[in-house]
Amino acid sequence: MVVAPNMKAITLLLALTLSVSAFAQQHGTSSHGAIYGSKPNDVATIKAENLEAYMSKKARISTTISGRVTRVIKSKGGWFDIDAGHGKIIAAHFRDYKVNIPEDLKGKYILAEGVAEKQFLADDGQHLAGGSKQHGGKTNSKQQLTFEVSGLMVKR
């Protein structure tokens, strides 16, 4: 049987379209709950409240954390906040912008695997050129934790 060149192109295009759409949004379920991105490794999980102490003096680590989502900032790209206890939050987002999370994730407990990073934010009065503004011998800078998520699982 001879297949026309146009038919080969259509078949190839159809196969490519189906494979791209199948991998664009990796969202599934497991016995634990919904999964967004890749399934997180839950062997050595750290509570979100303990992440800052666990990092100690390290500026960046790869880990899996468990915690409660306090707010979904942007569904597309998976931007959300995790409660870090004591009035602190961890600003989290997916590494893969194609992952979409639901708005009703707020208040749910999750496992998230990815890279935690400490970011130092200068006080509004501090110059970007490097000078630090001091009041009473203390440097005014704030530390924020961010988390770049590769996989998230909602706990049931």
Protein backbone atom coordinates (compact mmCIF):
# COMPACT_ATOMS: atom_id res chain seq x y z
CA MET A 1 0.00 0.00 0.00
CA VAL A 2 1.39 3.39 -0.99
CA VAL A 3 0.70 6.31 1.35
CA ALA A 4 0.62 9.81 -0.06
CA PRO A 5 3.17 12.32 1.36
CA ASN A 6 0.33 14.51 2.65
CA MET A 7 -1.11 11.58 4.58
CA LYS A 8 2.28 10.94 6.22
CA ALA A 9 2.50 14.60 7.24
CA ILE A 10 -1.02 14.56 8.69
CA THR A 11 -0.32 11.37 10.64
CA LEU A 12 2.94 12.75 12.00
CA LEU A 13 1.29 16.04 12.98
CA LEU A 14 -1.54 14.22 14.75
CA ALA A 15 0.89 11.99 16.68
CA LEU A 16 2.98 15.00 17.69
CA THR A 17 -0.06 16.98 18.84
CA LEU A 18 -1.33 14.12 20.99
CA SER A 19 2.05 13.54 22.62
CA VAL A 20 2.54 17.25 23.43
CA SER A 21 -0.93 17.60 24.94
CA ALA A 22 -0.42 14.47 27.03
CA PHE A 23 2.77 15.84 28.63
CA ALA A 24 1.88 19.54 28.84
CA GLN A 25 -0.07 19.24 32.09
CA GLN A 26 1.13 16.48 34.35
CA HIS A 27 -1.76 16.19 36.75
CA GLY A 28 -2.73 12.89 38.21
CA THR A 29 -3.93 11.25 41.35
CA SER A 30 -2.44 8.72 43.70
CA SER A 31 -3.72 6.97 46.80
CA HIS A 32 -2.67 10.08 48.75
CA GLY A 33 -4.28 12.79 46.59
CA ALA A 34 -3.94 14.94 43.49
CA ILE A 35 -0.45 15.36 42.01
CA TYR A 36 0.75 18.42 40.10
CA GLY A 37 4.03 18.26 38.20
CA SER A 38 6.03 15.17 39.15
CA LYS A 39 5.24 12.99 42.18
CA PRO A 40 7.24 14.27 45.17
CA ASN A 41 9.61 11.97 47.04
CA ASP A 42 8.08 11.65 50.52
CA VAL A 43 10.88 9.68 52.20
CA ALA A 44 12.63 12.54 54.05
CA THR A 45 9.99 15.24 54.45
CA ILE A 46 10.61 18.41 56.45
CA LYS A 47 7.77 20.42 58.00
CA ALA A 48 7.52 23.90 56.48
CA GLU A 49 7.81 25.39 59.98
CA ASN A 50 11.25 23.75 60.38
CA LEU A 51 12.66 24.55 56.93
CA GLU A 52 14.52 27.73 57.90
CA ALA A 53 16.21 26.04 60.88
CA TYR A 54 17.01 22.96 58.77
CA MET A 55 18.72 25.13 56.15
CA SER A 56 20.88 26.70 58.87
CA LYS A 57 23.53 28.75 57.05
CA LYS A 58 22.91 27.18 53.64
CA ALA A 59 21.41 29.54 51.09
CA ARG A 60 19.89 26.83 48.87
CA ILE A 61 18.89 23.16 49.31
CA SER A 62 16.88 20.50 47.48
CA THR A 63 14.24 18.91 49.71
CA THR A 64 10.61 17.90 50.19
CA ILE A 65 8.46 19.93 52.57
CA SER A 66 5.01 19.45 54.04
CA GLY A 67 2.75 22.30 54.98
CA ARG A 68 -0.53 24.14 54.49
CA VAL A 69 -1.25 26.39 51.51
CA THR A 70 -2.33 29.81 52.79
CA ARG A 71 -3.02 31.47 49.46
CA VAL A 72 -3.06 30.73 45.73
CA ILE A 73 -1.59 33.80 44.07
CA LYS A 74 -1.76 32.73 40.44
CA SER A 75 -3.23 29.48 39.17
CA LYS A 76 -1.25 29.45 35.89
CA GLY A 77 2.34 28.61 36.65
CA GLY A 78 1.41 27.47 40.16
CA TRP A 79 2.22 30.49 42.36
CA PHE A 80 1.18 30.03 46.00
CA ASP A 81 2.18 30.63 49.64
CA ILE A 82 2.92 27.99 52.28
CA ASP A 83 2.52 28.64 56.02
CA ALA A 84 5.99 28.57 57.65
CA GLY A 85 4.69 29.20 61.18
CA HIS A 86 5.25 32.18 63.47
CA GLY A 87 3.64 34.55 60.94
CA LYS A 88 6.13 33.68 58.18
CA ILE A 89 5.35 32.39 54.71
CA ILE A 90 7.24 30.52 52.01
CA ALA A 91 6.66 31.95 48.54
CA ALA A 92 6.36 28.94 46.22
CA HIS A 93 6.02 28.51 42.47
CA PHE A 94 6.42 25.72 39.95
CA ARG A 95 9.59 25.45 37.92
CA ASP A 96 7.46 24.36 34.94
CA TYR A 97 5.17 27.26 34.02
CA LYS A 98 2.79 24.87 32.23
CA VAL A 99 1.51 23.45 35.54
CA ASN A 100 -1.80 24.93 36.69
CA ILE A 101 -3.08 24.54 40.24
CA PRO A 102 -6.69 24.96 41.38
CA GLU A 103 -7.80 28.01 43.38
CA ASP A 104 -9.31 25.71 46.03
CA LEU A 105 -5.83 24.49 47.05
CA LYS A 106 -5.98 27.18 49.76
CA GLY A 107 -6.16 25.62 53.22
CA LYS A 108 -5.09 22.16 52.07
CA TYR A 109 -2.04 20.29 53.31
CA ILE A 110 0.54 19.40 50.70
CA LEU A 111 3.88 17.73 50.07
CA ALA A 112 6.10 19.74 47.73
CA GLU A 113 9.46 18.68 46.32
CA GLY A 114 11.88 21.25 44.96
CA VAL A 115 14.57 23.77 45.81
CA ALA A 116 14.35 26.02 48.87
CA GLU A 117 16.29 29.26 48.79
CA LYS A 118 16.91 32.10 51.22
CA GLN A 119 16.61 35.54 49.70
CA PHE A 120 17.70 38.67 51.49
CA LEU A 121 15.54 41.71 50.84
CA ALA A 122 17.00 45.14 51.53
CA ASP A 123 15.14 47.65 53.65
CA ASP A 124 13.42 50.42 51.66
CA GLY A 125 16.00 52.94 52.86
CA GLN A 126 18.98 50.84 51.84
CA HIS A 127 20.75 51.73 48.62
CA LEU A 128 21.29 49.15 45.93
CA ALA A 129 24.93 50.19 45.58
CA GLY A 130 25.85 48.20 48.67
CA GLY A 131 25.67 50.53 51.65
CA SER A 132 23.70 49.17 54.58
CA LYS A 133 21.58 51.43 56.69
CA GLN A 134 22.00 50.71 60.36
CA HIS A 135 19.81 51.70 63.30
CA GLY A 136 21.21 50.94 66.73
CA GLY A 137 23.89 48.64 65.36
CA LYS A 138 21.46 46.39 63.46
CA THR A 139 21.39 46.06 59.70
CA ASN A 140 17.87 46.38 58.32
CA SER A 141 17.35 43.53 55.91
CA LYS A 142 14.65 40.88 55.77
CA GLN A 143 15.06 37.27 54.87
CA GLN A 144 12.46 35.50 52.75
CA LEU A 145 12.20 31.82 51.88
CA THR A 146 11.24 30.85 48.36
CA PHE A 147 10.53 27.37 47.05
CA GLU A 148 10.78 26.32 43.40
CA VAL A 149 8.46 23.31 43.12
CA SER A 150 9.05 20.40 40.77
CA GLY A 151 6.24 18.25 42.17
CA LEU A 152 3.30 18.70 44.52
CA MET A 153 0.91 16.21 46.11
CA VAL A 154 -2.24 17.19 48.00
CA LYS A 155 -2.65 15.23 51.24
CA ARG A 156 -6.05 13.71 51.93
